[in-house]
Amino acid sequence: MRPSFIKELQTIVGKQYTLTDRESLAVYGYDSTAELESLPGVVLLPDSGEQIAQIMSLCHDEGVCVTPRGSGTNLSGGSLSAGGVVIQTSRLNRIIEVDEENLTATVEPGVITSALHREVEERGLFYPPDPGSMNISTMGGNVAENSGGLRGLKYGVTADYVMGLQTILADGELLRTGGKVVKDVAGYSLNPLLVSSEGTLGLFTSITVKLIPKPQAKITMLAHFPVMADAALTVSAIIAAKVIPATLEFLDKVTIKCVEDYAHVGLPLDVDAALLIETDGHPVVVTEEAAAVETICRQHRCSFFQTAKNDEEALKLATARRTALSALARLRPTTILEDATVPRSCIAAMLKVIQNTARKYNVVIGTFGHAGDGNLHPTCLTDERDQDEIKRAHAAFEEIFDAAISMGGTITGEHGVGLAKKRYLPKLAGESGIRVMRGIKHAFDPKGILNPGKIF
């Protein structure tokens, strides 16, 4: 980049918030995606939407590509730059408003997800989306990737709560969509389009989300299963019984062992799988649902059923699931975490495919995930220095994704397409789907400067 361009950027954000030295740039050359790296040309840390608009206008005029970045917890390479400008949003970290009359919260994109949780729960309110990375991930990243989480089964995903956005477009223009109104059918519904756009259509500067009353009670349970298929069938049986837990999570034997070695939470090591289940809501309903869940688990041959006695024990059990990725990552140098998603009735079949594929390609795959909504996370433990093993791992995942598509599922339930999965998207979307998506991208970003190389 020419020095005069860098100076112009410095006049917008300040010299101390314009990073150009190689050591600083290297920090932003990675996200949480295995194998991928890309050094940006410059990293900017603006502190307002106005500064972002100025940056985008300048980059648009210069034809310089821009990649938005939150905390870098992305798992599909979506926050890796193409060598241009990275806009890091950590300084836009204000909770602008919690509106208790309209049950909304408005935040800047750099707000950490769990910080919003704490703020609204102190007021007796609830923001349900809870990605596994919630203690570090940002709201802007959550919206860009349409993050899910452990409570997705009952409460849905980020898109279900985004009511309004302020977005800076590729040319620096501000686009306002939605707001605090519950109903709005004026024109095209642009909010859902911008949610999950992976930074390819614009940069969020303000996000308004829906809140709900905080559940009055919850019960957390853990069921042990000697046979994995029984755990998978239990998930389908719970849903078929019209019980919708807040959380219905699956851990296989590989994951259980790694989590117990890492967190020492008392998980059994002599079982094939475990289900973490949580019901919440009115105390009477919660008790009834918990009893029904226990009955169904025992009918499907669970060997042990544990109910948390207090909040501390409940947190301990939930922590077992939230530390799954960290625990697995300790086993080998490279961890490839994916998120194949299938209809809930296909969970048992999908788990069998994952097991058989791991054996076929002689790779270690631990599987955990949001079994209640069919979103599984097969996680390959490997070493990127072993090119033959890496090749086998990718061949295994290609078969896993093909199987998911054939079952009516998808290649990603919450991690996004980014760089890592774009070669699989045509199989899912087809030629017409890709053509329509490219047309939308061109309408928003005709010069192609926003997060180039992602999705397509």
Protein backbone atom coordinates (compact mmCIF):
# COMPACT_ATOMS: atom_id res chain seq x y z
CA MET A 1 0.00 0.00 0.00
CA ARG A 2 1.28 3.45 -0.84
CA PRO A 3 2.47 5.52 2.15
CA SER A 4 0.07 8.37 1.40
CA PHE A 5 -2.89 5.96 1.63
CA ILE A 6 -1.68 4.76 5.04
CA LYS A 7 -1.39 8.39 6.19
CA GLU A 8 -4.95 9.06 5.10
CA LEU A 9 -6.10 6.10 7.19
CA GLN A 10 -4.10 7.42 10.14
CA THR A 11 -5.90 10.75 9.93
CA ILE A 12 -9.18 8.90 10.36
CA VAL A 13 -8.41 6.56 13.30
CA GLY A 14 -5.15 7.94 14.69
CA LYS A 15 -1.61 6.67 14.27
CA GLN A 16 -1.75 4.46 17.38
CA TYR A 17 -4.80 2.64 15.97
CA THR A 18 -3.23 2.04 12.57
CA LEU A 19 -1.14 -1.13 12.77
CA THR A 20 1.42 -1.73 10.05
CA ASP A 21 4.38 -3.48 11.72
CA ARG A 22 4.79 -7.13 10.83
CA GLU A 23 4.54 -8.39 14.42
CA SER A 24 1.15 -6.72 14.93
CA LEU A 25 -0.11 -7.83 11.53
CA ALA A 26 0.87 -11.43 12.28
CA VAL A 27 -1.59 -11.44 15.21
CA TYR A 28 -4.39 -10.79 12.71
CA GLY A 29 -3.12 -13.34 10.20
CA TYR A 30 -5.07 -16.13 11.83
CA ASP A 31 -8.52 -16.87 13.17
CA SER A 32 -9.73 -20.10 14.80
CA THR A 33 -9.78 -22.02 11.51
CA ALA A 34 -7.18 -24.74 11.14
CA GLU A 35 -4.51 -24.54 8.42
CA LEU A 36 -5.43 -21.07 7.14
CA GLU A 37 -3.40 -17.87 7.44
CA SER A 38 -3.19 -14.60 5.54
CA LEU A 39 -1.25 -11.47 6.50
CA PRO A 40 -3.25 -8.20 6.20
CA GLY A 41 -1.72 -5.04 4.74
CA VAL A 42 -2.90 -2.81 7.59
CA VAL A 43 -5.14 -3.22 10.64
CA LEU A 44 -7.38 -0.36 11.78
CA LEU A 45 -9.14 -0.03 15.13
CA PRO A 46 -11.86 2.62 14.69
CA ASP A 47 -14.06 3.69 17.61
CA SER A 48 -17.18 4.91 15.79
CA GLY A 49 -19.45 4.22 12.87
CA GLU A 50 -18.42 7.53 11.37
CA GLN A 51 -14.79 6.41 11.22
CA ILE A 52 -15.82 3.13 9.58
CA ALA A 53 -17.80 5.05 6.97
CA GLN A 54 -14.77 7.24 6.21
CA ILE A 55 -12.50 4.20 5.95
CA MET A 56 -14.90 2.43 3.58
CA SER A 57 -15.30 5.51 1.39
CA LEU A 58 -11.53 5.86 1.09
CA CYS A 59 -10.99 2.15 0.38
CA HIS A 60 -13.80 2.17 -2.17
CA ASP A 61 -12.18 5.04 -4.04
CA GLU A 62 -8.79 3.29 -3.91
CA GLY A 63 -10.15 -0.16 -4.77
CA VAL A 64 -8.61 -1.63 -1.60
CA CYS A 65 -10.29 -4.70 -0.12
CA VAL A 66 -11.63 -4.59 3.46
CA THR A 67 -12.21 -7.42 5.93
CA PRO A 68 -14.20 -6.86 9.14
CA ARG A 69 -12.98 -8.69 12.23
CA GLY A 70 -14.25 -9.16 15.76
CA SER A 71 -12.47 -11.49 18.19
CA GLY A 72 -11.23 -13.87 15.50
CA THR A 73 -13.18 -16.90 16.77
CA ASN A 74 -14.38 -17.62 13.24
CA LEU A 75 -14.17 -21.27 12.24
CA SER A 76 -14.40 -21.01 8.46
CA GLY A 77 -11.68 -18.47 7.69
CA GLY A 78 -14.18 -15.66 7.35
CA SER A 79 -12.16 -13.08 9.28
CA LEU A 80 -8.91 -13.64 7.36
CA SER A 81 -7.94 -10.78 5.05
CA ALA A 82 -6.96 -10.87 1.41
CA GLY A 83 -3.95 -8.66 2.11
CA GLY A 84 -5.83 -5.38 2.31
CA VAL A 85 -7.36 -3.48 5.23
CA VAL A 86 -8.69 -5.23 8.33
CA ILE A 87 -11.22 -3.27 10.39
CA GLN A 88 -11.09 -4.62 13.95
CA THR A 89 -14.17 -3.64 15.96
CA SER A 90 -13.03 -4.16 19.56
CA ARG A 91 -13.21 -0.43 20.37
CA LEU A 92 -16.86 -0.24 19.33
CA ASN A 93 -17.85 -2.03 22.51
CA ARG A 94 -20.70 0.03 23.99
CA ILE A 95 -24.08 -1.28 25.03
CA ILE A 96 -25.97 1.74 23.75
CA GLU A 97 -29.34 1.00 25.34
CA VAL A 98 -31.44 -1.63 27.08
CA ASP A 99 -35.06 -0.65 26.38
CA GLU A 100 -37.19 -2.42 28.97
CA GLU A 101 -40.42 -0.99 27.56
CA ASN A 102 -39.86 -2.39 24.07
CA LEU A 103 -37.80 -5.41 25.20
CA THR A 104 -34.82 -4.56 23.01
CA ALA A 105 -31.11 -3.93 23.42
CA THR A 106 -28.96 -1.88 21.06
CA VAL A 107 -25.23 -2.53 20.97
CA GLU A 108 -22.13 -1.75 18.96
CA PRO A 109 -20.54 -4.65 17.06
CA GLY A 110 -17.57 -5.07 19.42
CA VAL A 111 -19.68 -5.90 22.47
CA ILE A 112 -18.76 -9.32 23.87
CA THR A 113 -21.79 -11.64 23.79
CA SER A 114 -21.61 -12.67 27.44
CA ALA A 115 -21.38 -8.99 28.49
CA LEU A 116 -24.79 -8.42 26.91
CA HIS A 117 -26.10 -11.53 28.67
CA ARG A 118 -25.00 -10.20 32.05
CA GLU A 119 -26.34 -6.71 31.43
CA VAL A 120 -29.85 -7.79 30.48
CA GLU A 121 -30.14 -10.63 32.99
CA GLU A 122 -29.50 -8.16 35.82
CA ARG A 123 -32.78 -6.56 34.69
CA GLY A 124 -34.71 -9.84 34.60
CA LEU A 125 -34.42 -10.07 30.80
CA PHE A 126 -32.88 -12.66 28.52
CA TYR A 127 -30.93 -12.72 25.26
CA PRO A 128 -30.96 -16.43 24.34
CA PRO A 129 -28.27 -16.91 21.62
CA ASP A 130 -25.23 -18.39 23.36
CA PRO A 131 -22.46 -19.53 21.00
CA GLY A 132 -19.79 -21.70 22.57
CA SER A 133 -17.37 -18.78 22.21
CA MET A 134 -19.74 -16.32 23.95
CA ASN A 135 -17.12 -15.22 26.49
CA ILE A 136 -14.92 -13.87 23.72
CA SER A 137 -17.01 -13.61 20.52
CA THR A 138 -18.51 -10.26 19.56
CA MET A 139 -22.07 -9.37 18.66
CA GLY A 140 -20.95 -8.15 15.23
CA GLY A 141 -19.36 -11.51 14.51
CA ASN A 142 -22.42 -13.33 15.83
CA VAL A 143 -24.65 -11.41 13.43
CA ALA A 144 -22.28 -11.81 10.48
CA GLU A 145 -22.18 -15.59 10.97
CA ASN A 146 -25.75 -16.02 12.31
CA SER A 147 -24.34 -17.78 15.38
CA GLY A 148 -26.29 -20.49 17.12
CA GLY A 149 -25.41 -22.00 20.46
CA LEU A 150 -26.50 -24.46 23.09
CA ARG A 151 -29.97 -22.93 23.45
CA GLY A 152 -30.75 -22.97 19.73
CA LEU A 153 -33.19 -25.87 19.94
CA LYS A 154 -35.76 -23.96 21.97
CA TYR A 155 -34.88 -20.36 21.31
CA GLY A 156 -33.45 -20.25 17.80
CA VAL A 157 -30.36 -18.51 16.46
CA THR A 158 -29.07 -14.95 16.19
CA ALA A 159 -31.23 -14.15 13.15
CA ASP A 160 -34.34 -14.77 15.23
CA TYR A 161 -33.41 -11.86 17.52
CA VAL A 162 -31.98 -9.20 15.20
CA MET A 163 -34.57 -6.46 14.81
CA GLY A 164 -32.54 -3.58 13.43
CA LEU A 165 -29.12 -2.89 11.92
CA GLN A 166 -27.05 0.09 10.93
CA THR A 167 -24.64 -1.06 8.24
CA ILE A 168 -21.87 0.75 6.38
CA LEU A 169 -21.92 -0.32 2.74
CA ALA A 170 -18.91 -0.79 0.47
CA ASP A 171 -18.92 2.84 -0.67
CA GLY A 172 -19.21 4.25 2.86
CA GLU A 173 -22.96 4.91 2.75
CA LEU A 174 -25.03 4.14 5.85
CA LEU A 175 -27.91 1.66 5.46
CA ARG A 176 -30.55 1.47 8.21
CA THR A 177 -32.75 -1.62 8.27
CA GLY A 178 -35.47 -2.60 10.72
CA GLY A 179 -35.75 -1.13 14.20
CA LYS A 180 -37.78 -1.67 17.35
CA VAL A 181 -41.13 -2.39 15.71
CA VAL A 182 -42.39 -5.95 16.01
CA LYS A 183 -44.04 -5.92 12.58
CA ASP A 184 -42.52 -4.39 9.46
CA VAL A 185 -43.23 -5.64 5.93
CA ALA A 186 -42.29 -2.49 4.02
CA GLY A 187 -40.19 -3.56 1.05
CA TYR A 188 -37.69 -6.38 0.95
CA SER A 189 -36.70 -7.86 4.30
CA LEU A 190 -33.04 -6.87 4.38
CA ASN A 191 -32.19 -7.76 7.98
CA PRO A 192 -32.18 -11.54 7.35
CA LEU A 193 -30.07 -10.96 4.24
CA LEU A 194 -27.43 -9.03 6.16
CA VAL A 195 -27.44 -11.53 9.01
CA SER A 196 -25.12 -14.41 8.00
CA SER A 197 -23.62 -12.36 5.14
CA GLU A 198 -20.14 -13.05 6.59
CA GLY A 199 -18.86 -9.51 6.11
CA THR A 200 -19.37 -9.59 2.35
CA LEU A 201 -22.22 -7.05 2.15
CA GLY A 202 -21.41 -4.43 4.77
CA LEU A 203 -20.00 -3.62 8.23
CA PHE A 204 -22.38 -3.33 11.17
CA THR A 205 -22.08 -0.29 13.42
CA SER A 206 -25.25 -0.72 15.48
CA ILE A 207 -27.29 -3.84 16.25
CA THR A 208 -30.75 -3.90 17.87
CA VAL A 209 -31.84 -7.26 19.24
CA LYS A 210 -35.03 -8.61 20.76
CA LEU A 211 -35.08 -9.58 24.44
CA ILE A 212 -37.49 -11.87 26.28
CA PRO A 213 -38.28 -12.37 29.99
CA LYS A 214 -35.67 -14.40 31.83
CA PRO A 215 -36.86 -17.97 32.54
CA GLN A 216 -37.96 -18.43 36.14
CA ALA A 217 -36.36 -21.83 36.63
CA LYS A 218 -34.16 -24.42 34.99
CA ILE A 219 -33.08 -28.01 35.56
CA THR A 220 -29.82 -29.39 34.13
CA MET A 221 -29.36 -33.12 33.53
CA LEU A 222 -26.72 -35.50 32.17
CA ALA A 223 -27.54 -38.94 30.75
CA HIS A 224 -24.89 -41.63 30.11
CA PHE A 225 -25.30 -44.15 27.26
CA PRO A 226 -23.21 -47.31 26.75
CA VAL A 227 -24.29 -47.34 23.08
CA MET A 228 -24.07 -44.21 20.91
CA ALA A 229 -27.08 -45.14 18.78
CA ASP A 230 -29.28 -45.17 21.88
CA ALA A 231 -28.24 -41.60 22.70
CA ALA A 232 -29.05 -40.48 19.16
CA LEU A 233 -32.45 -42.18 19.22
CA THR A 234 -33.16 -40.57 22.59
CA VAL A 235 -32.81 -37.14 21.01
CA SER A 236 -35.46 -37.96 18.41
CA ALA A 237 -37.71 -39.49 21.06
CA ILE A 238 -37.56 -36.39 23.27
CA ILE A 239 -38.60 -34.16 20.38
CA ALA A 240 -41.28 -36.62 19.27
CA ALA A 241 -42.71 -36.49 22.80
CA LYS A 242 -43.24 -32.73 22.24
CA VAL A 243 -40.70 -31.81 24.89
CA ILE A 244 -38.45 -28.97 23.69
CA PRO A 245 -35.52 -28.56 26.09
CA ALA A 246 -33.55 -25.32 26.12
CA THR A 247 -30.42 -27.43 25.63
CA LEU A 248 -29.99 -30.91 24.19
CA GLU A 249 -26.29 -31.52 23.59
CA PHE A 250 -24.37 -34.61 22.50
CA LEU A 251 -20.84 -35.74 23.35
CA ASP A 252 -19.25 -38.92 22.00
CA LYS A 253 -16.67 -41.12 23.72
CA VAL A 254 -13.63 -39.34 22.26
CA THR A 255 -14.96 -35.96 23.37
CA ILE A 256 -15.97 -37.17 26.84
CA LYS A 257 -12.47 -38.51 27.53
CA CYS A 258 -10.81 -35.30 26.34
CA VAL A 259 -13.18 -33.08 28.34
CA GLU A 260 -12.68 -35.10 31.51
CA ASP A 261 -8.90 -35.05 31.12
CA TYR A 262 -9.09 -31.28 30.64
CA ALA A 263 -11.81 -30.05 33.00
CA HIS A 264 -12.17 -32.88 35.58
CA VAL A 265 -15.94 -32.44 35.88
CA GLY A 266 -16.71 -36.06 36.72
CA LEU A 267 -17.80 -37.36 33.32
CA PRO A 268 -17.94 -41.14 32.89
CA LEU A 269 -15.19 -42.74 30.85
CA ASP A 270 -16.89 -46.11 30.31
CA VAL A 271 -19.74 -44.93 28.05
CA ASP A 272 -20.13 -44.39 24.31
CA ALA A 273 -21.99 -41.09 24.54
CA ALA A 274 -23.63 -38.59 26.86
CA LEU A 275 -26.48 -36.12 26.54
CA LEU A 276 -26.49 -32.78 28.37
CA ILE A 277 -30.10 -31.63 28.72
CA GLU A 278 -31.56 -28.48 30.23
CA THR A 279 -35.18 -27.46 30.57
CA ASP A 280 -36.21 -23.95 31.54
CA GLY A 281 -39.33 -21.83 31.99
CA HIS A 282 -42.11 -21.86 34.57
CA PRO A 283 -41.12 -24.02 37.58
CA VAL A 284 -44.06 -26.41 37.20
CA VAL A 285 -43.48 -26.94 33.49
CA VAL A 286 -39.74 -27.34 34.00
CA THR A 287 -40.29 -30.08 36.58
CA GLU A 288 -42.74 -31.90 34.31
CA GLU A 289 -40.41 -31.71 31.33
CA ALA A 290 -37.42 -32.91 33.34
CA ALA A 291 -39.40 -35.93 34.54
CA ALA A 292 -40.43 -36.73 30.96
CA VAL A 293 -36.82 -36.41 29.76
CA GLU A 294 -35.59 -38.81 32.45
CA THR A 295 -38.26 -41.36 31.56
CA ILE A 296 -37.36 -41.23 27.86
CA CYS A 297 -33.63 -41.55 28.59
CA ARG A 298 -34.19 -44.61 30.77
CA GLN A 299 -36.48 -46.14 28.14
CA HIS A 300 -33.59 -45.84 25.70
CA ARG A 301 -31.15 -47.67 27.96
CA CYS A 302 -29.19 -44.86 29.54
CA SER A 303 -26.92 -46.38 32.18
CA PHE A 304 -26.96 -43.41 34.56
CA PHE A 305 -29.05 -40.25 34.85
CA GLN A 306 -27.81 -37.27 36.81
CA THR A 307 -29.75 -34.14 37.80
CA ALA A 308 -27.79 -31.11 38.97
CA LYS A 309 -28.55 -30.42 42.63
CA ASN A 310 -27.79 -26.69 42.48
CA ASP A 311 -26.62 -23.87 40.20
CA GLU A 312 -22.97 -24.68 40.84
CA GLU A 313 -23.38 -28.28 39.72
CA ALA A 314 -25.47 -27.16 36.73
CA LEU A 315 -22.70 -24.79 35.67
CA LYS A 316 -20.18 -27.60 36.04
CA LEU A 317 -22.15 -29.84 33.70
CA ALA A 318 -22.68 -27.04 31.16
CA THR A 319 -18.95 -26.28 31.31
CA ALA A 320 -18.26 -29.85 30.25
CA ARG A 321 -19.96 -29.15 26.93
CA ARG A 322 -18.60 -25.62 26.48
CA THR A 323 -15.01 -26.82 26.89
CA ALA A 324 -15.37 -29.59 24.29
CA LEU A 325 -13.39 -27.82 21.58
CA SER A 326 -10.63 -26.66 23.93
CA ALA A 327 -10.36 -30.15 25.36
CA LEU A 328 -10.15 -31.87 21.98
CA ALA A 329 -7.60 -29.33 20.72
CA ARG A 330 -5.11 -30.46 23.37
CA LEU A 331 -4.81 -33.94 21.88
CA ARG A 332 -3.14 -33.10 18.54
CA PRO A 333 -1.48 -30.00 17.05
CA THR A 334 -4.25 -29.31 14.51
CA THR A 335 -7.98 -29.38 15.20
CA ILE A 336 -10.39 -29.23 12.24
CA LEU A 337 -13.84 -28.45 13.64
CA GLU A 338 -16.79 -28.75 11.27
CA ASP A 339 -20.56 -28.46 11.64
CA ALA A 340 -22.55 -30.76 9.39
CA THR A 341 -26.26 -30.36 10.08
CA VAL A 342 -29.07 -32.80 9.33
CA PRO A 343 -32.76 -33.17 10.13
CA ARG A 344 -33.13 -34.37 13.72
CA SER A 345 -34.55 -37.69 12.58
CA CYS A 346 -31.25 -38.38 10.79
CA ILE A 347 -28.92 -37.85 13.76
CA ALA A 348 -28.34 -41.56 14.39
CA ALA A 349 -27.60 -42.17 10.70
CA MET A 350 -25.27 -39.16 10.56
CA LEU A 351 -23.32 -40.29 13.61
CA LYS A 352 -22.88 -43.71 11.99
CA VAL A 353 -21.58 -42.05 8.81
CA ILE A 354 -19.05 -40.04 10.82
CA GLN A 355 -17.80 -43.15 12.66
CA ASN A 356 -17.53 -45.22 9.48
CA THR A 357 -15.80 -42.41 7.59
CA ALA A 358 -13.24 -41.91 10.36
CA ARG A 359 -12.42 -45.61 10.22
CA LYS A 360 -12.28 -45.62 6.41
CA TYR A 361 -9.73 -42.80 6.29
CA ASN A 362 -7.91 -43.78 9.49
CA VAL A 363 -8.39 -40.43 11.23
CA VAL A 364 -9.50 -39.55 14.76
CA ILE A 365 -12.82 -37.71 14.84
CA GLY A 366 -14.53 -36.66 18.05
CA THR A 367 -18.14 -35.57 17.68
CA PHE A 368 -20.16 -33.24 19.87
CA GLY A 369 -22.82 -30.69 19.14
CA HIS A 370 -26.34 -29.39 19.30
CA ALA A 371 -28.08 -32.70 18.76
CA GLY A 372 -31.49 -31.21 19.50
CA ASP A 373 -31.37 -29.14 16.31
CA GLY A 374 -29.37 -31.64 14.24
CA ASN A 375 -26.18 -29.55 14.28
CA LEU A 376 -23.22 -31.90 14.85
CA HIS A 377 -19.57 -30.91 15.18
CA PRO A 378 -17.33 -33.72 13.87
CA THR A 379 -13.85 -32.63 14.94
CA CYS A 380 -10.77 -34.18 13.36
CA LEU A 381 -7.67 -34.31 15.55
CA THR A 382 -4.66 -34.23 13.28
CA ASP A 383 -1.34 -32.53 12.49
CA GLU A 384 -1.09 -30.19 9.51
CA ARG A 385 2.60 -31.09 9.17
CA ASP A 386 1.50 -34.59 8.14
CA GLN A 387 0.24 -33.84 4.64
CA ASP A 388 -1.00 -37.38 4.04
CA GLU A 389 -3.10 -37.32 7.20
CA ILE A 390 -4.48 -33.88 6.31
CA LYS A 391 -5.42 -35.15 2.86
CA ARG A 392 -7.27 -38.07 4.44
CA ALA A 393 -9.03 -35.75 6.88
CA HIS A 394 -10.36 -33.55 4.09
CA ALA A 395 -11.48 -36.60 2.11
CA ALA A 396 -13.37 -37.78 5.19
CA PHE A 397 -15.10 -34.43 5.60
CA GLU A 398 -16.07 -34.33 1.95
CA GLU A 399 -17.89 -37.65 2.41
CA ILE A 400 -19.48 -36.38 5.63
CA PHE A 401 -20.80 -33.25 3.88
CA ASP A 402 -22.05 -35.28 0.92
CA ALA A 403 -23.94 -37.51 3.35
CA ALA A 404 -25.42 -34.50 5.15
CA ILE A 405 -26.66 -33.03 1.86
CA SER A 406 -28.14 -36.38 0.79
CA MET A 407 -30.09 -36.50 4.07
CA GLY A 408 -31.60 -33.08 3.41
CA GLY A 409 -29.06 -31.33 5.60
CA THR A 410 -26.46 -28.63 5.02
CA ILE A 411 -22.70 -28.07 5.02
CA THR A 412 -22.83 -25.58 7.89
CA GLY A 413 -25.36 -24.86 10.59
CA GLU A 414 -23.60 -21.94 12.27
CA HIS A 415 -19.90 -21.58 11.35
CA GLY A 416 -20.47 -20.11 7.90
CA VAL A 417 -18.95 -20.86 4.50
CA GLY A 418 -16.01 -18.43 4.50
CA LEU A 419 -12.88 -19.83 2.88
CA ALA A 420 -13.01 -23.32 4.32
CA LYS A 421 -16.30 -24.52 2.81
CA LYS A 422 -16.80 -22.55 -0.37
CA ARG A 423 -15.88 -25.52 -2.54
CA TYR A 424 -18.85 -27.42 -1.06
CA LEU A 425 -21.46 -24.67 -1.51
CA PRO A 426 -22.30 -25.39 -5.19
CA LYS A 427 -23.29 -28.94 -4.25
CA LEU A 428 -25.80 -27.54 -1.78
CA ALA A 429 -27.05 -24.38 -3.52
CA GLY A 430 -26.86 -25.46 -7.15
CA GLU A 431 -26.10 -23.22 -10.13
CA SER A 432 -29.20 -21.06 -9.71
CA GLY A 433 -28.54 -20.53 -6.00
CA ILE A 434 -24.95 -19.45 -6.63
CA ARG A 435 -26.06 -17.14 -9.44
CA VAL A 436 -28.62 -15.39 -7.22
CA MET A 437 -26.12 -15.02 -4.36
CA ARG A 438 -23.49 -13.56 -6.69
CA GLY A 439 -26.09 -11.11 -7.99
CA ILE A 440 -26.88 -9.96 -4.44
CA LYS A 441 -23.18 -9.57 -3.70
CA HIS A 442 -22.69 -7.46 -6.83
CA ALA A 443 -25.67 -5.23 -5.97
CA PHE A 444 -24.19 -4.42 -2.55
CA ASP A 445 -20.53 -4.41 -3.53
CA PRO A 446 -20.00 -3.92 -7.30
CA LYS A 447 -16.22 -3.49 -6.89
CA GLY A 448 -15.95 -6.68 -4.83
CA ILE A 449 -13.88 -5.08 -2.06
CA LEU A 450 -15.81 -6.42 0.96
CA ASN A 451 -14.25 -9.59 2.38
CA PRO A 452 -13.31 -10.91 -1.08
CA GLY A 453 -12.81 -14.61 -1.70
CA LYS A 454 -15.34 -15.67 0.93
CA ILE A 455 -18.42 -17.86 0.22
CA PHE A 456 -17.82 -18.03 -3.58
